[in-house]
Amino acid sequence: MDGKIYTLLTIYIVYFLTAVSMALFPGVQKVLTGLIFGGMGIVLFLVSFLIWVLSPKNER
């Protein structure tokens, strides 16, 4: 098997363990949901801010 198969298996195992832990433990579900949505919001803000700051300014 090549590296792509191992990568897909690793992603599937991580996804499976995350899904099982979220289904069995409400505390894990709250923490991971907060990290996913809160973290994605912060990352989107930082990326858009950096694009805005680093984009060339066209002065007329």
PDB file of N, CA and C in Angstrom:
ATOM      1  N   MET A   1       0.842  -1.181   0.000  1.00  0.00           N
ATOM      2  CA  MET A   1       0.000   0.000   0.000  1.00  0.00           C
ATOM      3  C   MET A   1       0.888   1.245   0.000  1.00  0.00           C
ATOM      4  N   ASP A   2       0.402   2.253  -0.678  1.00  0.00           N
ATOM      5  CA  ASP A   2       1.194   3.473  -0.747  1.00  0.00           C
ATOM      6  C   ASP A   2       0.788   4.441   0.358  1.00  0.00           C
ATOM      7  N   GLY A   3       1.394   5.613   0.361  1.00  0.00           N
ATOM      8  CA  GLY A   3       1.182   6.594   1.414  1.00  0.00           C
ATOM      9  C   GLY A   3      -0.224   7.161   1.453  1.00  0.00           C
ATOM     10  N   LYS A   4      -0.898   7.194   0.287  1.00  0.00           N
ATOM     11  CA  LYS A   4      -2.249   7.770   0.252  1.00  0.00           C
ATOM     12  C   LYS A   4      -3.227   6.916   1.058  1.00  0.00           C
ATOM     13  N   ILE A   5      -3.059   5.617   1.006  1.00  0.00           N
ATOM     14  CA  ILE A   5      -3.934   4.722   1.759  1.00  0.00           C
ATOM     15  C   ILE A   5      -3.742   4.942   3.249  1.00  0.00           C
ATOM     16  N   TYR A   6      -2.487   5.046   3.685  1.00  0.00           N
ATOM     17  CA  TYR A   6      -2.211   5.269   5.093  1.00  0.00           C
ATOM     18  C   TYR A   6      -2.750   6.626   5.551  1.00  0.00           C
ATOM     19  N   THR A   7      -2.659   7.628   4.691  1.00  0.00           N
ATOM     20  CA  THR A   7      -3.201   8.937   5.028  1.00  0.00           C
ATOM     21  C   THR A   7      -4.714   8.871   5.188  1.00  0.00           C
ATOM     22  N   LEU A   8      -5.393   8.215   4.263  1.00  0.00           N
ATOM     23  CA  LEU A   8      -6.842   8.078   4.365  1.00  0.00           C
ATOM     24  C   LEU A   8      -7.254   7.280   5.589  1.00  0.00           C
ATOM     25  N   LEU A   9      -6.530   6.206   5.892  1.00  0.00           N
ATOM     26  CA  LEU A   9      -6.832   5.427   7.092  1.00  0.00           C
ATOM     27  C   LEU A   9      -6.627   6.252   8.359  1.00  0.00           C
ATOM     28  N   THR A  10      -5.580   7.040   8.393  1.00  0.00           N
ATOM     29  CA  THR A  10      -5.324   7.882   9.557  1.00  0.00           C
ATOM     30  C   THR A  10      -6.431   8.911   9.735  1.00  0.00           C
ATOM     31  N   ILE A  11      -6.848   9.555   8.644  1.00  0.00           N
ATOM     32  CA  ILE A  11      -7.941  10.535   8.716  1.00  0.00           C
ATOM     33  C   ILE A  11      -9.219   9.857   9.183  1.00  0.00           C
ATOM     34  N   TYR A  12      -9.505   8.667   8.666  1.00  0.00           N
ATOM     35  CA  TYR A  12     -10.717   7.957   9.064  1.00  0.00           C
ATOM     36  C   TYR A  12     -10.676   7.581  10.543  1.00  0.00           C
ATOM     37  N   ILE A  13      -9.535   7.116  11.030  1.00  0.00           N
ATOM     38  CA  ILE A  13      -9.424   6.721  12.433  1.00  0.00           C
ATOM     39  C   ILE A  13      -9.597   7.929  13.349  1.00  0.00           C
ATOM     40  N   VAL A  14      -8.976   9.054  13.001  1.00  0.00           N
ATOM     41  CA  VAL A  14      -9.134  10.268  13.801  1.00  0.00           C
ATOM     42  C   VAL A  14     -10.587  10.719  13.798  1.00  0.00           C
ATOM     43  N   TYR A  15     -11.224  10.694  12.630  1.00  0.00           N
ATOM     44  CA  TYR A  15     -12.632  11.077  12.514  1.00  0.00           C
ATOM     45  C   TYR A  15     -13.512  10.131  13.332  1.00  0.00           C
ATOM     46  N   PHE A  16     -13.257   8.851  13.255  1.00  0.00           N
ATOM     47  CA  PHE A  16     -14.048   7.863  13.978  1.00  0.00           C
ATOM     48  C   PHE A  16     -13.906   8.036  15.490  1.00  0.00           C
ATOM     49  N   LEU A  17     -12.684   8.200  15.960  1.00  0.00           N
ATOM     50  CA  LEU A  17     -12.468   8.393  17.390  1.00  0.00           C
ATOM     51  C   LEU A  17     -13.112   9.686  17.882  1.00  0.00           C
ATOM     52  N   THR A  18     -13.041  10.737  17.072  1.00  0.00           N
ATOM     53  CA  THR A  18     -13.693  11.993  17.444  1.00  0.00           C
ATOM     54  C   THR A  18     -15.194  11.822  17.513  1.00  0.00           C
ATOM     55  N   ALA A  19     -15.778  11.157  16.521  1.00  0.00           N
ATOM     56  CA  ALA A  19     -17.229  10.957  16.502  1.00  0.00           C
ATOM     57  C   ALA A  19     -17.689  10.095  17.672  1.00  0.00           C
ATOM     58  N   VAL A  20     -16.965   9.036  17.975  1.00  0.00           N
ATOM     59  CA  VAL A  20     -17.352   8.161  19.082  1.00  0.00           C
ATOM     60  C   VAL A  20     -17.228   8.891  20.423  1.00  0.00           C
ATOM     61  N   SER A  21     -16.150   9.640  20.597  1.00  0.00           N
ATOM     62  CA  SER A  21     -15.985  10.361  21.862  1.00  0.00           C
ATOM     63  C   SER A  21     -17.038  11.449  22.016  1.00  0.00           C
ATOM     64  N   MET A  22     -17.434  12.098  20.923  1.00  0.00           N
ATOM     65  CA  MET A  22     -18.483  13.116  20.998  1.00  0.00           C
ATOM     66  C   MET A  22     -19.841  12.480  21.273  1.00  0.00           C
ATOM     67  N   ALA A  23     -20.052  11.274  20.786  1.00  0.00           N
ATOM     68  CA  ALA A  23     -21.335  10.614  21.013  1.00  0.00           C
ATOM     69  C   ALA A  23     -21.446  10.074  22.435  1.00  0.00           C
ATOM     70  N   LEU A  24     -20.349   9.646  23.027  1.00  0.00           N
ATOM     71  CA  LEU A  24     -20.401   9.010  24.338  1.00  0.00           C
ATOM     72  C   LEU A  24     -20.231   9.978  25.510  1.00  0.00           C
ATOM     73  N   PHE A  25     -19.533  11.083  25.291  1.00  0.00           N
ATOM     74  CA  PHE A  25     -19.207  11.980  26.394  1.00  0.00           C
ATOM     75  C   PHE A  25     -19.679  13.398  26.078  1.00  0.00           C
ATOM     76  N   PRO A  26     -20.692  13.891  26.781  1.00  0.00           N
ATOM     77  CA  PRO A  26     -21.200  15.247  26.509  1.00  0.00           C
ATOM     78  C   PRO A  26     -20.159  16.346  26.742  1.00  0.00           C
ATOM     79  N   GLY A  27     -19.268  16.146  27.688  1.00  0.00           N
ATOM     80  CA  GLY A  27     -18.230  17.145  27.927  1.00  0.00           C
ATOM     81  C   GLY A  27     -17.307  17.308  26.738  1.00  0.00           C
ATOM     82  N   VAL A  28     -16.935  16.183  26.151  1.00  0.00           N
ATOM     83  CA  VAL A  28     -16.079  16.222  24.956  1.00  0.00           C
ATOM     84  C   VAL A  28     -16.815  16.908  23.813  1.00  0.00           C
ATOM     85  N   GLN A  29     -18.110  16.648  23.710  1.00  0.00           N
ATOM     86  CA  GLN A  29     -18.910  17.262  22.650  1.00  0.00           C
ATOM     87  C   GLN A  29     -18.915  18.782  22.799  1.00  0.00           C
ATOM     88  N   LYS A  30     -19.081  19.274  24.023  1.00  0.00           N
ATOM     89  CA  LYS A  30     -19.095  20.721  24.241  1.00  0.00           C
ATOM     90  C   LYS A  30     -17.741  21.342  23.930  1.00  0.00           C
ATOM     91  N   VAL A  31     -16.681  20.704  24.373  1.00  0.00           N
ATOM     92  CA  VAL A  31     -15.340  21.258  24.153  1.00  0.00           C
ATOM     93  C   VAL A  31     -14.998  21.265  22.670  1.00  0.00           C
ATOM     94  N   LEU A  32     -15.228  20.150  21.984  1.00  0.00           N
ATOM     95  CA  LEU A  32     -14.874  20.084  20.565  1.00  0.00           C
ATOM     96  C   LEU A  32     -15.739  21.003  19.720  1.00  0.00           C
ATOM     97  N   THR A  33     -17.026  21.134  20.061  1.00  0.00           N
ATOM     98  CA  THR A  33     -17.883  22.056  19.317  1.00  0.00           C
ATOM     99  C   THR A  33     -17.409  23.487  19.509  1.00  0.00           C
ATOM    100  N   GLY A  34     -17.054  23.834  20.732  1.00  0.00           N
ATOM    101  CA  GLY A  34     -16.524  25.171  20.976  1.00  0.00           C
ATOM    102  C   GLY A  34     -15.230  25.422  20.233  1.00  0.00           C
ATOM    103  N   LEU A  35     -14.350  24.430  20.219  1.00  0.00           N
ATOM    104  CA  LEU A  35     -13.084  24.590  19.497  1.00  0.00           C
ATOM    105  C   LEU A  35     -13.302  24.717  18.000  1.00  0.00           C
ATOM    106  N   ILE A  36     -14.211  23.894  17.467  1.00  0.00           N
ATOM    107  CA  ILE A  36     -14.435  23.914  16.023  1.00  0.00           C
ATOM    108  C   ILE A  36     -15.030  25.253  15.590  1.00  0.00           C
ATOM    109  N   PHE A  37     -16.144  25.652  16.233  1.00  0.00           N
ATOM    110  CA  PHE A  37     -16.808  26.876  15.793  1.00  0.00           C
ATOM    111  C   PHE A  37     -16.071  28.125  16.249  1.00  0.00           C
ATOM    112  N   GLY A  38     -15.610  28.141  17.488  1.00  0.00           N
ATOM    113  CA  GLY A  38     -14.857  29.293  17.963  1.00  0.00           C
ATOM    114  C   GLY A  38     -13.527  29.439  17.256  1.00  0.00           C
ATOM    115  N   GLY A  39     -12.825  28.338  17.116  1.00  0.00           N
ATOM    116  CA  GLY A  39     -11.538  28.369  16.438  1.00  0.00           C
ATOM    117  C   GLY A  39     -11.655  28.743  14.975  1.00  0.00           C
ATOM    118  N   MET A  40     -12.670  28.229  14.304  1.00  0.00           N
ATOM    119  CA  MET A  40     -12.849  28.567  12.893  1.00  0.00           C
ATOM    120  C   MET A  40     -13.202  30.034  12.724  1.00  0.00           C
ATOM    121  N   GLY A  41     -13.979  30.581  13.654  1.00  0.00           N
ATOM    122  CA  GLY A  41     -14.301  32.004  13.588  1.00  0.00           C
ATOM    123  C   GLY A  41     -13.061  32.864  13.736  1.00  0.00           C
ATOM    124  N   ILE A  42     -12.209  32.498  14.700  1.00  0.00           N
ATOM    125  CA  ILE A  42     -10.978  33.260  14.915  1.00  0.00           C
ATOM    126  C   ILE A  42     -10.052  33.131  13.713  1.00  0.00           C
ATOM    127  N   VAL A  43      -9.927  31.924  13.179  1.00  0.00           N
ATOM    128  CA  VAL A  43      -9.055  31.710  12.012  1.00  0.00           C
ATOM    129  C   VAL A  43      -9.567  32.484  10.802  1.00  0.00           C
ATOM    130  N   LEU A  44     -10.875  32.454  10.551  1.00  0.00           N
ATOM    131  CA  LEU A  44     -11.426  33.208   9.421  1.00  0.00           C
ATOM    132  C   LEU A  44     -11.184  34.703   9.596  1.00  0.00           C
ATOM    133  N   PHE A  45     -11.378  35.201  10.807  1.00  0.00           N
ATOM    134  CA  PHE A  45     -11.116  36.625  11.052  1.00  0.00           C
ATOM    135  C   PHE A  45      -9.655  36.959  10.803  1.00  0.00           C
ATOM    136  N   LEU A  46      -8.739  36.153  11.343  1.00  0.00           N
ATOM    137  CA  LEU A  46      -7.313  36.444  11.181  1.00  0.00           C
ATOM    138  C   LEU A  46      -6.876  36.368   9.726  1.00  0.00           C
ATOM    139  N   VAL A  47      -7.385  35.379   8.992  1.00  0.00           N
ATOM    140  CA  VAL A  47      -7.012  35.250   7.572  1.00  0.00           C
ATOM    141  C   VAL A  47      -7.528  36.438   6.778  1.00  0.00           C
ATOM    142  N   SER A  48      -8.791  36.820   6.992  1.00  0.00           N
ATOM    143  CA  SER A  48      -9.333  37.954   6.247  1.00  0.00           C
ATOM    144  C   SER A  48      -8.621  39.248   6.643  1.00  0.00           C
ATOM    145  N   PHE A  49      -8.274  39.399   7.922  1.00  0.00           N
ATOM    146  CA  PHE A  49      -7.542  40.590   8.364  1.00  0.00           C
ATOM    147  C   PHE A  49      -6.155  40.636   7.727  1.00  0.00           C
ATOM    148  N   LEU A  50      -5.464  39.488   7.690  1.00  0.00           N
ATOM    149  CA  LEU A  50      -4.132  39.468   7.087  1.00  0.00           C
ATOM    150  C   LEU A  50      -4.185  39.738   5.590  1.00  0.00           C
ATOM    151  N   ILE A  51      -5.206  39.220   4.915  1.00  0.00           N
ATOM    152  CA  ILE A  51      -5.356  39.512   3.481  1.00  0.00           C
ATOM    153  C   ILE A  51      -5.592  41.000   3.276  1.00  0.00           C
ATOM    154  N   TRP A  52      -6.415  41.603   4.141  1.00  0.00           N
ATOM    155  CA  TRP A  52      -6.700  43.032   4.036  1.00  0.00           C
ATOM    156  C   TRP A  52      -5.447  43.863   4.302  1.00  0.00           C
ATOM    157  N   VAL A  53      -4.665  43.478   5.313  1.00  0.00           N
ATOM    158  CA  VAL A  53      -3.473  44.241   5.664  1.00  0.00           C
ATOM    159  C   VAL A  53      -2.391  44.068   4.617  1.00  0.00           C
ATOM    160  N   LEU A  54      -2.221  42.859   4.104  1.00  0.00           N
ATOM    161  CA  LEU A  54      -1.121  42.595   3.178  1.00  0.00           C
ATOM    162  C   LEU A  54      -1.444  42.908   1.722  1.00  0.00           C
ATOM    163  N   SER A  55      -2.706  43.199   1.404  1.00  0.00           N
ATOM    164  CA  SER A  55      -3.045  43.491   0.018  1.00  0.00           C
ATOM    165  C   SER A  55      -2.475  44.860  -0.363  1.00  0.00           C
ATOM    166  N   PRO A  56      -2.021  44.959  -1.616  1.00  0.00           N
ATOM    167  CA  PRO A  56      -1.419  46.240  -2.038  1.00  0.00           C
ATOM    168  C   PRO A  56      -2.484  47.331  -2.083  1.00  0.00           C
ATOM    169  N   LYS A  57      -2.088  48.494  -1.618  1.00  0.00           N
ATOM    170  CA  LYS A  57      -2.994  49.640  -1.611  1.00  0.00           C
ATOM    171  C   LYS A  57      -2.822  50.418  -2.921  1.00  0.00           C
ATOM    172  N   ASN A  58      -3.924  50.684  -3.589  1.00  0.00           N
ATOM    173  CA  ASN A  58      -3.893  51.454  -4.831  1.00  0.00           C
ATOM    174  C   ASN A  58      -4.296  52.891  -4.510  1.00  0.00           C
ATOM    175  N   GLU A  59      -3.307  53.733  -4.311  1.00  0.00           N
ATOM    176  CA  GLU A  59      -3.563  55.159  -4.012  1.00  0.00           C
ATOM    177  C   GLU A  59      -3.780  55.882  -5.327  1.00  0.00           C
ATOM    178  N   ARG A  60      -4.812  56.737  -5.345  1.00  0.00           N
ATOM    179  CA  ARG A  60      -5.074  57.513  -6.572  1.00  0.00           C
ATOM    180  C   ARG A  60      -4.847  58.961  -6.329  1.00  0.00           C
TER     181      ARG A  60
END
